Amino acid sequence: MAHEELLAGLRQAVLDCDEPRAARLAREALDTGMPALRAIDGGLVPGIQEAGRLWDEGEFFLPELVGAAGAMKAAMAVLQPALAGGGSRELGRIVIGTVQGDIHDIGKSLVATLLAANGFAVSDEGADVPVERFVTRARELDADLVCASALLTTTMVQQRTLVEALRAAGLRARVMVGGAPVTPAWAAQIGAAGFADNAVAAVAVARGLVRS
């Protein structure tokens, strides 16, 4: 199968929530010599972005969104070893999680996946993460960034608490925030170093923050 066909197939497998096909096409892509990053950027990312668009427009519902994320994860499980074995330089160390009181995990997991795919060492702490655990992991890893997601207006305040806690602990890690109710104005107000409203943007912001 030609590379363009493989990329189109990966995109469609994500949209179809087809985990076995996504994994099979990811393996086939590697076997044909396609770089893992191309499979991600040209196939999986467009697929998950389209799933997000369909969600926003009311054509996808939560089961479809979860299924699309699952297909992407299945493909990433195949592609990740090729990324790790490629000899690429680690860009930085990141601790990521959804703040305490918030169990939403899909968007955060996608950000973590793309950050790892682009050369960052990522420690994904999951959802409902207490501020103390963010701080502890940032200290243990000497993290460059702590990325905190909040999908509820009631949990956004945890992002502010996190910024303050990292400063009080004297850690060098900078904070990037995101999530549906989060805005650039909120990020600036709480003293976060960065804001991203989607997973692809998060990679670009993270690159800029670790280089500055």
N, C-alpha and C. Protein backbone atom coordinates (compact mmCIF):
# COMPACT_ATOMS: atom_id res chain seq x y z
N MET A 1 0.85 -1.19 0.00
CA MET A 1 0.00 0.00 0.00
C MET A 1 0.89 1.25 0.00
N ALA A 2 0.57 2.22 -0.84
CA ALA A 2 1.34 3.45 -0.92
C ALA A 2 1.19 4.25 0.37
N HIS A 3 2.19 5.11 0.61
CA HIS A 3 2.18 5.88 1.85
C HIS A 3 0.94 6.75 1.99
N GLU A 4 0.52 7.40 0.92
CA GLU A 4 -0.66 8.26 1.01
C GLU A 4 -1.91 7.44 1.35
N GLU A 5 -1.97 6.22 0.81
CA GLU A 5 -3.10 5.35 1.14
C GLU A 5 -3.07 4.94 2.61
N LEU A 6 -1.87 4.68 3.10
CA LEU A 6 -1.73 4.32 4.51
C LEU A 6 -2.15 5.47 5.42
N LEU A 7 -1.74 6.67 5.07
CA LEU A 7 -2.11 7.84 5.88
C LEU A 7 -3.62 8.04 5.89
N ALA A 8 -4.23 7.91 4.70
CA ALA A 8 -5.68 8.04 4.61
C ALA A 8 -6.37 6.93 5.42
N GLY A 9 -5.79 5.73 5.38
CA GLY A 9 -6.35 4.62 6.13
C GLY A 9 -6.26 4.83 7.63
N LEU A 10 -5.13 5.36 8.08
CA LEU A 10 -4.97 5.65 9.51
C LEU A 10 -5.99 6.69 9.96
N ARG A 11 -6.14 7.73 9.16
CA ARG A 11 -7.11 8.77 9.49
C ARG A 11 -8.51 8.17 9.61
N GLN A 12 -8.87 7.32 8.65
CA GLN A 12 -10.22 6.75 8.65
C GLN A 12 -10.40 5.75 9.78
N ALA A 13 -9.35 5.01 10.11
CA ALA A 13 -9.44 4.05 11.21
C ALA A 13 -9.73 4.77 12.53
N VAL A 14 -9.14 5.94 12.70
CA VAL A 14 -9.43 6.74 13.90
C VAL A 14 -10.89 7.16 13.89
N LEU A 15 -11.35 7.68 12.76
CA LEU A 15 -12.74 8.13 12.67
C LEU A 15 -13.73 6.98 12.83
N ASP A 16 -13.33 5.78 12.38
CA ASP A 16 -14.20 4.61 12.51
C ASP A 16 -14.09 3.94 13.88
N CYS A 17 -13.20 4.47 14.73
CA CYS A 17 -12.99 3.90 16.07
C CYS A 17 -12.52 2.45 15.98
N ASP A 18 -11.73 2.15 14.95
CA ASP A 18 -11.32 0.78 14.65
C ASP A 18 -9.90 0.54 15.17
N GLU A 19 -9.80 0.09 16.41
CA GLU A 19 -8.49 -0.09 17.03
C GLU A 19 -7.64 -1.15 16.32
N PRO A 20 -8.18 -2.33 15.99
CA PRO A 20 -7.34 -3.33 15.32
C PRO A 20 -6.80 -2.83 13.97
N ARG A 21 -7.64 -2.15 13.20
CA ARG A 21 -7.18 -1.65 11.89
C ARG A 21 -6.15 -0.55 12.08
N ALA A 22 -6.34 0.32 13.05
CA ALA A 22 -5.38 1.39 13.30
C ALA A 22 -4.01 0.81 13.65
N ALA A 23 -4.01 -0.21 14.51
CA ALA A 23 -2.74 -0.84 14.89
C ALA A 23 -2.10 -1.55 13.70
N ARG A 24 -2.92 -2.24 12.90
CA ARG A 24 -2.38 -2.97 11.74
C ARG A 24 -1.77 -2.01 10.72
N LEU A 25 -2.46 -0.90 10.46
CA LEU A 25 -1.95 0.07 9.49
C LEU A 25 -0.70 0.77 10.01
N ALA A 26 -0.63 0.98 11.32
CA ALA A 26 0.57 1.59 11.90
C ALA A 26 1.77 0.66 11.70
N ARG A 27 1.56 -0.63 11.90
CA ARG A 27 2.64 -1.61 11.69
C ARG A 27 3.03 -1.65 10.22
N GLU A 28 2.04 -1.62 9.35
CA GLU A 28 2.32 -1.65 7.92
C GLU A 28 3.08 -0.39 7.49
N ALA A 29 2.72 0.75 8.08
CA ALA A 29 3.43 1.99 7.76
C ALA A 29 4.91 1.88 8.11
N LEU A 30 5.20 1.35 9.28
CA LEU A 30 6.60 1.18 9.69
C LEU A 30 7.31 0.18 8.77
N ASP A 31 6.61 -0.89 8.41
CA ASP A 31 7.22 -1.93 7.57
C ASP A 31 7.55 -1.41 6.18
N THR A 32 6.82 -0.38 5.72
CA THR A 32 7.11 0.18 4.39
C THR A 32 8.15 1.29 4.45
N GLY A 33 8.68 1.55 5.66
CA GLY A 33 9.72 2.56 5.79
C GLY A 33 9.22 3.95 6.11
N MET A 34 7.94 4.09 6.39
CA MET A 34 7.41 5.41 6.74
C MET A 34 7.90 5.81 8.13
N PRO A 35 8.45 7.01 8.29
CA PRO A 35 8.83 7.47 9.63
C PRO A 35 7.60 7.52 10.55
N ALA A 36 7.80 7.14 11.79
CA ALA A 36 6.68 7.11 12.73
C ALA A 36 6.02 8.47 12.87
N LEU A 37 6.83 9.53 12.89
CA LEU A 37 6.25 10.87 13.03
C LEU A 37 5.36 11.23 11.85
N ARG A 38 5.70 10.75 10.65
CA ARG A 38 4.85 11.04 9.50
C ARG A 38 3.51 10.33 9.64
N ALA A 39 3.55 9.10 10.13
CA ALA A 39 2.30 8.37 10.33
C ALA A 39 1.41 9.10 11.34
N ILE A 40 2.04 9.67 12.35
CA ILE A 40 1.28 10.39 13.36
C ILE A 40 0.74 11.70 12.81
N ASP A 41 1.65 12.51 12.27
CA ASP A 41 1.26 13.86 11.81
C ASP A 41 0.37 13.82 10.57
N GLY A 42 0.58 12.82 9.70
CA GLY A 42 -0.18 12.78 8.45
C GLY A 42 -1.41 11.91 8.48
N GLY A 43 -1.53 11.04 9.48
CA GLY A 43 -2.66 10.13 9.55
C GLY A 43 -3.46 10.24 10.83
N LEU A 44 -2.79 10.04 11.96
CA LEU A 44 -3.51 10.00 13.23
C LEU A 44 -4.00 11.38 13.66
N VAL A 45 -3.14 12.38 13.56
CA VAL A 45 -3.52 13.72 14.00
C VAL A 45 -4.69 14.27 13.18
N PRO A 46 -4.66 14.19 11.84
CA PRO A 46 -5.83 14.64 11.09
C PRO A 46 -7.11 13.88 11.46
N GLY A 47 -6.96 12.59 11.76
CA GLY A 47 -8.13 11.81 12.15
C GLY A 47 -8.73 12.28 13.46
N ILE A 48 -7.88 12.50 14.47
CA ILE A 48 -8.40 12.90 15.78
C ILE A 48 -8.89 14.34 15.74
N GLN A 49 -8.26 15.17 14.89
CA GLN A 49 -8.75 16.54 14.73
C GLN A 49 -10.14 16.56 14.09
N GLU A 50 -10.34 15.70 13.11
CA GLU A 50 -11.65 15.61 12.47
C GLU A 50 -12.69 15.09 13.46
N ALA A 51 -12.28 14.13 14.30
CA ALA A 51 -13.19 13.63 15.33
C ALA A 51 -13.59 14.77 16.27
N GLY A 52 -12.63 15.62 16.62
CA GLY A 52 -12.94 16.76 17.48
C GLY A 52 -13.89 17.73 16.81
N ARG A 53 -13.70 17.95 15.50
CA ARG A 53 -14.60 18.84 14.77
C ARG A 53 -16.02 18.28 14.75
N LEU A 54 -16.12 16.99 14.51
CA LEU A 54 -17.44 16.35 14.48
C LEU A 54 -18.10 16.40 15.86
N TRP A 55 -17.30 16.30 16.90
CA TRP A 55 -17.82 16.44 18.27
C TRP A 55 -18.36 17.84 18.48
N ASP A 56 -17.58 18.84 18.07
CA ASP A 56 -18.00 20.24 18.24
C ASP A 56 -19.30 20.52 17.50
N GLU A 57 -19.49 19.87 16.35
CA GLU A 57 -20.67 20.12 15.53
C GLU A 57 -21.84 19.21 15.87
N GLY A 58 -21.67 18.37 16.87
CA GLY A 58 -22.76 17.53 17.32
C GLY A 58 -22.98 16.27 16.51
N GLU A 59 -22.04 15.95 15.61
CA GLU A 59 -22.17 14.73 14.80
C GLU A 59 -21.55 13.52 15.49
N PHE A 60 -20.56 13.76 16.34
CA PHE A 60 -19.99 12.72 17.18
C PHE A 60 -20.47 12.94 18.61
N PHE A 61 -20.67 11.83 19.31
CA PHE A 61 -21.02 11.90 20.71
C PHE A 61 -19.90 11.25 21.52
N LEU A 62 -20.05 11.22 22.84
CA LEU A 62 -18.96 10.77 23.69
C LEU A 62 -18.44 9.37 23.31
N PRO A 63 -19.31 8.39 23.01
CA PRO A 63 -18.77 7.07 22.64
C PRO A 63 -17.86 7.12 21.41
N GLU A 64 -18.24 7.95 20.41
CA GLU A 64 -17.40 8.06 19.21
C GLU A 64 -16.08 8.74 19.53
N LEU A 65 -16.13 9.77 20.38
CA LEU A 65 -14.90 10.47 20.73
C LEU A 65 -13.95 9.56 21.51
N VAL A 66 -14.52 8.80 22.42
CA VAL A 66 -13.70 7.84 23.18
C VAL A 66 -13.14 6.77 22.25
N GLY A 67 -13.96 6.31 21.32
CA GLY A 67 -13.50 5.29 20.37
C GLY A 67 -12.40 5.79 19.47
N ALA A 68 -12.52 7.04 19.01
CA ALA A 68 -11.48 7.62 18.16
C ALA A 68 -10.17 7.73 18.92
N ALA A 69 -10.25 8.17 20.17
CA ALA A 69 -9.03 8.26 21.00
C ALA A 69 -8.43 6.89 21.23
N GLY A 70 -9.29 5.88 21.40
CA GLY A 70 -8.80 4.52 21.59
C GLY A 70 -8.08 3.99 20.36
N ALA A 71 -8.61 4.30 19.16
CA ALA A 71 -7.94 3.87 17.93
C ALA A 71 -6.59 4.55 17.78
N MET A 72 -6.53 5.83 18.13
CA MET A 72 -5.25 6.53 18.05
C MET A 72 -4.25 5.93 19.03
N LYS A 73 -4.70 5.61 20.24
CA LYS A 73 -3.81 5.01 21.22
C LYS A 73 -3.30 3.65 20.76
N ALA A 74 -4.17 2.87 20.10
CA ALA A 74 -3.77 1.55 19.59
C ALA A 74 -2.66 1.70 18.56
N ALA A 75 -2.80 2.68 17.67
CA ALA A 75 -1.76 2.92 16.67
C ALA A 75 -0.49 3.44 17.33
N MET A 76 -0.64 4.32 18.31
CA MET A 76 0.53 4.89 18.99
C MET A 76 1.32 3.81 19.73
N ALA A 77 0.63 2.79 20.24
CA ALA A 77 1.33 1.70 20.93
C ALA A 77 2.30 1.00 19.99
N VAL A 78 1.94 0.96 18.70
CA VAL A 78 2.82 0.37 17.69
C VAL A 78 3.94 1.33 17.31
N LEU A 79 3.59 2.61 17.18
CA LEU A 79 4.55 3.60 16.68
C LEU A 79 5.54 4.08 17.73
N GLN A 80 5.13 4.07 19.00
CA GLN A 80 5.96 4.65 20.05
C GLN A 80 7.36 4.03 20.15
N PRO A 81 7.50 2.70 20.07
CA PRO A 81 8.86 2.14 20.14
C PRO A 81 9.77 2.64 19.02
N ALA A 82 9.19 2.87 17.84
CA ALA A 82 9.99 3.39 16.73
C ALA A 82 10.45 4.81 17.01
N LEU A 83 9.62 5.58 17.67
CA LEU A 83 10.01 6.93 18.05
C LEU A 83 11.12 6.88 19.08
N ALA A 84 10.95 6.01 20.07
CA ALA A 84 11.95 5.91 21.14
C ALA A 84 13.27 5.40 20.60
N GLY A 85 13.21 4.57 19.57
CA GLY A 85 14.43 3.99 19.05
C GLY A 85 15.10 4.81 17.98
N GLY A 86 14.53 5.96 17.71
CA GLY A 86 15.05 6.76 16.61
C GLY A 86 16.23 7.62 16.95
N GLY A 87 16.63 7.61 18.24
CA GLY A 87 17.80 8.39 18.62
C GLY A 87 17.52 9.88 18.70
N SER A 88 16.24 10.26 18.73
CA SER A 88 15.94 11.68 18.79
C SER A 88 16.26 12.23 20.17
N ARG A 89 16.67 13.48 20.21
CA ARG A 89 17.05 14.12 21.46
C ARG A 89 15.81 14.45 22.26
N GLU A 90 15.89 14.21 23.57
CA GLU A 90 14.78 14.57 24.45
C GLU A 90 14.67 16.08 24.50
N LEU A 91 13.49 16.59 24.21
CA LEU A 91 13.30 18.04 24.17
C LEU A 91 13.10 18.64 25.55
N GLY A 92 12.57 17.86 26.46
CA GLY A 92 12.31 18.36 27.81
C GLY A 92 11.47 17.36 28.58
N ARG A 93 11.36 17.59 29.88
CA ARG A 93 10.59 16.69 30.75
C ARG A 93 9.29 17.39 31.17
N ILE A 94 8.20 16.67 30.99
CA ILE A 94 6.87 17.24 31.24
C ILE A 94 6.08 16.35 32.18
N VAL A 95 5.44 16.98 33.15
CA VAL A 95 4.43 16.32 33.99
C VAL A 95 3.08 16.85 33.54
N ILE A 96 2.14 15.95 33.29
CA ILE A 96 0.83 16.36 32.78
C ILE A 96 -0.28 15.64 33.53
N GLY A 97 -1.40 16.31 33.71
CA GLY A 97 -2.55 15.68 34.34
C GLY A 97 -3.75 16.59 34.31
N THR A 98 -4.91 16.01 34.61
CA THR A 98 -6.13 16.78 34.80
C THR A 98 -6.27 17.08 36.29
N VAL A 99 -6.62 18.30 36.62
CA VAL A 99 -6.57 18.76 38.01
C VAL A 99 -7.57 18.04 38.90
N GLN A 100 -7.33 18.15 40.19
CA GLN A 100 -8.17 17.48 41.18
C GLN A 100 -9.62 17.94 41.07
N GLY A 101 -10.53 16.97 41.20
CA GLY A 101 -11.95 17.25 41.09
C GLY A 101 -12.50 17.09 39.69
N ASP A 102 -11.62 16.81 38.74
CA ASP A 102 -12.00 16.73 37.33
C ASP A 102 -11.53 15.38 36.78
N ILE A 103 -12.46 14.58 36.27
CA ILE A 103 -12.10 13.23 35.82
C ILE A 103 -11.99 13.14 34.30
N HIS A 104 -12.10 14.26 33.59
CA HIS A 104 -12.00 14.24 32.13
C HIS A 104 -10.57 13.91 31.72
N ASP A 105 -10.44 12.96 30.80
CA ASP A 105 -9.12 12.41 30.52
C ASP A 105 -8.75 12.39 29.03
N ILE A 106 -9.73 12.47 28.14
CA ILE A 106 -9.46 12.24 26.72
C ILE A 106 -8.54 13.30 26.14
N GLY A 107 -8.91 14.58 26.31
CA GLY A 107 -8.11 15.65 25.73
C GLY A 107 -6.71 15.67 26.30
N LYS A 108 -6.60 15.51 27.62
CA LYS A 108 -5.29 15.49 28.26
C LYS A 108 -4.44 14.35 27.75
N SER A 109 -5.05 13.18 27.57
CA SER A 109 -4.30 12.02 27.08
C SER A 109 -3.80 12.25 25.65
N LEU A 110 -4.60 12.91 24.84
CA LEU A 110 -4.17 13.22 23.48
C LEU A 110 -2.98 14.17 23.49
N VAL A 111 -3.03 15.19 24.35
CA VAL A 111 -1.90 16.11 24.48
C VAL A 111 -0.65 15.35 24.90
N ALA A 112 -0.79 14.48 25.90
CA ALA A 112 0.35 13.70 26.38
C ALA A 112 0.93 12.83 25.27
N THR A 113 0.06 12.22 24.48
CA THR A 113 0.50 11.36 23.39
C THR A 113 1.29 12.15 22.35
N LEU A 114 0.78 13.30 21.96
CA LEU A 114 1.46 14.10 20.94
C LEU A 114 2.76 14.70 21.47
N LEU A 115 2.79 15.09 22.73
CA LEU A 115 4.04 15.59 23.30
C LEU A 115 5.11 14.50 23.28
N ALA A 116 4.73 13.28 23.67
CA ALA A 116 5.68 12.17 23.65
C ALA A 116 6.13 11.86 22.23
N ALA A 117 5.18 11.92 21.29
CA ALA A 117 5.51 11.64 19.89
C ALA A 117 6.47 12.66 19.32
N ASN A 118 6.49 13.85 19.88
CA ASN A 118 7.35 14.91 19.38
C ASN A 118 8.64 15.09 20.17
N GLY A 119 8.98 14.09 20.98
CA GLY A 119 10.30 14.08 21.59
C GLY A 119 10.40 14.48 23.04
N PHE A 120 9.28 14.75 23.70
CA PHE A 120 9.31 15.09 25.12
C PHE A 120 9.21 13.82 25.97
N ALA A 121 9.85 13.84 27.12
CA ALA A 121 9.68 12.78 28.11
C ALA A 121 8.48 13.17 28.96
N VAL A 122 7.41 12.38 28.90
CA VAL A 122 6.14 12.78 29.49
C VAL A 122 5.75 11.82 30.62
N SER A 123 5.44 12.40 31.77
CA SER A 123 4.89 11.64 32.88
C SER A 123 3.41 12.01 33.01
N ASP A 124 2.54 11.11 32.55
CA ASP A 124 1.11 11.35 32.57
C ASP A 124 0.55 10.86 33.90
N GLU A 125 0.08 11.80 34.72
CA GLU A 125 -0.41 11.46 36.06
C GLU A 125 -1.88 11.09 36.08
N GLY A 126 -2.55 11.19 34.92
CA GLY A 126 -3.95 10.81 34.84
C GLY A 126 -4.88 11.97 35.15
N ALA A 127 -6.06 11.63 35.68
CA ALA A 127 -7.07 12.64 36.01
C ALA A 127 -7.24 12.74 37.52
N ASP A 128 -7.92 13.82 37.96
CA ASP A 128 -8.19 14.04 39.38
C ASP A 128 -6.88 14.08 40.18
N VAL A 129 -5.92 14.85 39.66
CA VAL A 129 -4.57 14.87 40.24
C VAL A 129 -4.45 16.00 41.27
N PRO A 130 -4.13 15.69 42.51
CA PRO A 130 -3.94 16.75 43.52
C PRO A 130 -2.72 17.62 43.18
N VAL A 131 -2.79 18.86 43.60
CA VAL A 131 -1.67 19.78 43.37
C VAL A 131 -0.38 19.21 43.96
N GLU A 132 -0.48 18.59 45.12
CA GLU A 132 0.72 18.06 45.77
C GLU A 132 1.41 17.01 44.91
N ARG A 133 0.63 16.22 44.17
CA ARG A 133 1.25 15.21 43.32
C ARG A 133 1.94 15.84 42.12
N PHE A 134 1.33 16.86 41.53
CA PHE A 134 2.02 17.60 40.46
C PHE A 134 3.37 18.10 40.96
N VAL A 135 3.37 18.71 42.13
CA VAL A 135 4.60 19.30 42.67
C VAL A 135 5.64 18.22 42.96
N THR A 136 5.20 17.13 43.57
CA THR A 136 6.13 16.04 43.89
C THR A 136 6.78 15.47 42.64
N ARG A 137 5.98 15.22 41.61
CA ARG A 137 6.52 14.66 40.37
C ARG A 137 7.43 15.65 39.66
N ALA A 138 7.07 16.92 39.68
CA ALA A 138 7.92 17.93 39.06
C ALA A 138 9.27 18.00 39.75
N ARG A 139 9.27 17.84 41.07
CA ARG A 139 10.54 17.85 41.81
C ARG A 139 11.35 16.60 41.50
N GLU A 140 10.67 15.44 41.49
CA GLU A 140 11.37 14.17 41.25
C GLU A 140 12.04 14.15 39.87
N LEU A 141 11.35 14.70 38.87
CA LEU A 141 11.82 14.63 37.49
C LEU A 141 12.62 15.85 37.07
N ASP A 142 12.69 16.86 37.95
CA ASP A 142 13.26 18.15 37.57
C ASP A 142 12.60 18.61 36.27
N ALA A 143 11.28 18.64 36.29
CA ALA A 143 10.49 18.89 35.08
C ALA A 143 10.70 20.29 34.53
N ASP A 144 10.65 20.38 33.22
CA ASP A 144 10.69 21.68 32.55
C ASP A 144 9.30 22.32 32.55
N LEU A 145 8.27 21.48 32.36
CA LEU A 145 6.90 21.96 32.26
C LEU A 145 5.97 21.10 33.09
N VAL A 146 4.95 21.74 33.63
CA VAL A 146 3.82 21.03 34.21
C VAL A 146 2.59 21.48 33.43
N CYS A 147 1.89 20.53 32.83
CA CYS A 147 0.72 20.84 32.02
C CYS A 147 -0.53 20.39 32.77
N ALA A 148 -1.45 21.34 33.00
CA ALA A 148 -2.62 21.05 33.81
C ALA A 148 -3.90 21.36 33.03
N SER A 149 -4.74 20.35 32.89
CA SER A 149 -6.00 20.50 32.17
C SER A 149 -7.16 20.61 33.15
N ALA A 150 -8.13 21.47 32.80
CA ALA A 150 -9.37 21.58 33.57
C ALA A 150 -10.53 21.69 32.59
N LEU A 151 -11.49 20.82 32.72
CA LEU A 151 -12.64 20.82 31.81
C LEU A 151 -13.89 21.40 32.46
N LEU A 152 -13.78 21.81 33.72
CA LEU A 152 -14.92 22.37 34.44
C LEU A 152 -14.55 23.74 35.00
N THR A 153 -15.48 24.66 34.96
CA THR A 153 -15.19 25.98 35.54
C THR A 153 -14.93 25.88 37.04
N THR A 154 -15.53 24.89 37.67
CA THR A 154 -15.35 24.73 39.12
C THR A 154 -13.97 24.21 39.50
N THR A 155 -13.25 23.61 38.56
CA THR A 155 -11.92 23.08 38.87
C THR A 155 -10.80 23.96 38.33
N MET A 156 -11.13 24.99 37.58
CA MET A 156 -10.09 25.87 37.03
C MET A 156 -9.22 26.49 38.13
N VAL A 157 -9.81 26.72 39.30
CA VAL A 157 -9.05 27.36 40.38
C VAL A 157 -7.86 26.50 40.80
N GLN A 158 -7.93 25.20 40.55
CA GLN A 158 -6.81 24.32 40.88
C GLN A 158 -5.57 24.69 40.06
N GLN A 159 -5.78 25.22 38.86
CA GLN A 159 -4.64 25.65 38.05
C GLN A 159 -3.91 26.81 38.72
N ARG A 160 -4.66 27.74 39.27
CA ARG A 160 -4.04 28.83 39.99
C ARG A 160 -3.25 28.32 41.20
N THR A 161 -3.88 27.42 41.94
CA THR A 161 -3.22 26.84 43.12
C THR A 161 -1.94 26.13 42.74
N LEU A 162 -1.95 25.47 41.59
CA LEU A 162 -0.76 24.76 41.12
C LEU A 162 0.38 25.73 40.82
N VAL A 163 0.08 26.80 40.10
CA VAL A 163 1.11 27.81 39.81
C VAL A 163 1.73 28.32 41.11
N GLU A 164 0.89 28.65 42.07
CA GLU A 164 1.37 29.17 43.35
C GLU A 164 2.20 28.14 44.11
N ALA A 165 1.76 26.86 44.06
CA ALA A 165 2.46 25.80 44.79
C ALA A 165 3.84 25.54 44.21
N LEU A 166 3.95 25.55 42.89
CA LEU A 166 5.26 25.34 42.26
C LEU A 166 6.22 26.47 42.60
N ARG A 167 5.71 27.69 42.63
CA ARG A 167 6.55 28.83 43.01
C ARG A 167 6.99 28.71 44.45
N ALA A 168 6.05 28.36 45.33
CA ALA A 168 6.37 28.24 46.75
C ALA A 168 7.40 27.15 47.00
N ALA A 169 7.38 26.11 46.17
CA ALA A 169 8.33 25.01 46.31
C ALA A 169 9.70 25.35 45.72
N GLY A 170 9.79 26.47 45.04
CA GLY A 170 11.06 26.88 44.45
C GLY A 170 11.48 26.07 43.25
N LEU A 171 10.50 25.47 42.56
CA LEU A 171 10.81 24.64 41.39
C LEU A 171 10.86 25.49 40.13
N ARG A 172 11.68 25.06 39.19
CA ARG A 172 11.86 25.82 37.95
C ARG A 172 10.79 25.53 36.90
N ALA A 173 10.00 24.48 37.12
CA ALA A 173 8.99 24.07 36.12
C ALA A 173 8.02 25.21 35.85
N ARG A 174 7.75 25.42 34.57
CA ARG A 174 6.75 26.40 34.16
C ARG A 174 5.44 25.68 33.89
N VAL A 175 4.35 26.42 33.91
CA VAL A 175 3.03 25.80 33.82
C VAL A 175 2.35 26.17 32.50
N MET A 176 1.81 25.16 31.83
CA MET A 176 0.94 25.36 30.68
C MET A 176 -0.43 24.83 31.03
N VAL A 177 -1.47 25.62 30.73
CA VAL A 177 -2.83 25.22 31.07
C VAL A 177 -3.68 25.10 29.82
N GLY A 178 -4.76 24.33 29.94
CA GLY A 178 -5.70 24.15 28.85
C GLY A 178 -6.97 23.55 29.37
N GLY A 179 -7.92 23.35 28.46
CA GLY A 179 -9.22 22.81 28.82
C GLY A 179 -10.33 23.70 28.29
N ALA A 180 -11.51 23.14 28.15
CA ALA A 180 -12.61 23.83 27.49
C ALA A 180 -12.91 25.23 28.04
N PRO A 181 -12.95 25.44 29.37
CA PRO A 181 -13.30 26.78 29.86
C PRO A 181 -12.10 27.71 30.00
N VAL A 182 -10.91 27.20 29.73
CA VAL A 182 -9.67 27.97 29.98
C VAL A 182 -9.39 28.90 28.80
N THR A 183 -8.95 30.10 29.11
CA THR A 183 -8.68 31.11 28.08
C THR A 183 -7.27 31.68 28.27
N PRO A 184 -6.73 32.35 27.25
CA PRO A 184 -5.43 33.02 27.43
C PRO A 184 -5.47 34.05 28.55
N ALA A 185 -6.60 34.73 28.70
CA ALA A 185 -6.72 35.74 29.77
C ALA A 185 -6.61 35.08 31.14
N TRP A 186 -7.24 33.91 31.29
CA TRP A 186 -7.14 33.18 32.57
C TRP A 186 -5.71 32.74 32.82
N ALA A 187 -5.05 32.23 31.80
CA ALA A 187 -3.66 31.79 31.95
C ALA A 187 -2.79 32.95 32.41
N ALA A 188 -2.97 34.12 31.81
CA ALA A 188 -2.19 35.29 32.20
C ALA A 188 -2.53 35.71 33.63
N GLN A 189 -3.79 35.65 33.98
CA GLN A 189 -4.24 36.09 35.30
C GLN A 189 -3.62 35.26 36.42
N ILE A 190 -3.47 33.96 36.19
CA ILE A 190 -2.95 33.08 37.25
C ILE A 190 -1.43 32.94 37.20
N GLY A 191 -0.80 33.55 36.18
CA GLY A 191 0.65 33.48 36.09
C GLY A 191 1.19 32.25 35.39
N ALA A 192 0.32 31.55 34.62
CA ALA A 192 0.80 30.41 33.84
C ALA A 192 1.69 30.93 32.71
N ALA A 193 2.68 30.13 32.34
CA ALA A 193 3.61 30.54 31.28
C ALA A 193 3.05 30.30 29.90
N GLY A 194 2.08 29.40 29.77
CA GLY A 194 1.57 29.07 28.45
C GLY A 194 0.13 28.60 28.48
N PHE A 195 -0.52 28.67 27.32
CA PHE A 195 -1.89 28.23 27.14
C PHE A 195 -2.00 27.57 25.78
N ALA A 196 -2.79 26.50 25.70
CA ALA A 196 -3.08 25.87 24.40
C ALA A 196 -4.51 25.37 24.42
N ASP A 197 -5.19 25.55 23.29
CA ASP A 197 -6.59 25.13 23.22
C ASP A 197 -6.80 23.83 22.46
N ASN A 198 -5.70 23.21 22.00
CA ASN A 198 -5.80 21.89 21.38
C ASN A 198 -4.45 21.19 21.45
N ALA A 199 -4.44 19.91 21.13
CA ALA A 199 -3.24 19.11 21.33
C ALA A 199 -2.10 19.53 20.41
N VAL A 200 -2.41 19.86 19.16
CA VAL A 200 -1.36 20.27 18.24
C VAL A 200 -0.73 21.59 18.70
N ALA A 201 -1.57 22.52 19.12
CA ALA A 201 -1.05 23.79 19.63
C ALA A 201 -0.21 23.57 20.88
N ALA A 202 -0.58 22.61 21.71
CA ALA A 202 0.16 22.35 22.94
C ALA A 202 1.60 21.96 22.65
N VAL A 203 1.82 21.21 21.58
CA VAL A 203 3.18 20.82 21.21
C VAL A 203 3.99 22.06 20.85
N ALA A 204 3.40 22.94 20.04
CA ALA A 204 4.11 24.15 19.62
C ALA A 204 4.42 25.04 20.82
N VAL A 205 3.45 25.19 21.73
CA VAL A 205 3.68 26.03 22.91
C VAL A 205 4.75 25.41 23.79
N ALA A 206 4.71 24.10 23.98
CA ALA A 206 5.71 23.43 24.80
C ALA A 206 7.10 23.61 24.23
N ARG A 207 7.23 23.48 22.91
CA ARG A 207 8.54 23.69 22.28
C ARG A 207 9.06 25.09 22.57
N GLY A 208 8.18 26.07 22.44
CA GLY A 208 8.59 27.45 22.68
C GLY A 208 8.99 27.69 24.13
N LEU A 209 8.27 27.08 25.06
CA LEU A 209 8.56 27.31 26.47
C LEU A 209 9.88 26.67 26.89
N VAL A 210 10.19 25.49 26.40
CA VAL A 210 11.44 24.85 26.83
C VAL A 210 12.66 25.51 26.17
N ARG A 211 12.43 26.23 25.08
CA ARG A 211 13.54 26.89 24.40
C ARG A 211 13.79 28.31 24.91
N SER A 212 12.81 28.87 25.61
CA SER A 212 12.92 30.27 26.04
C SER A 212 13.55 30.39 27.41
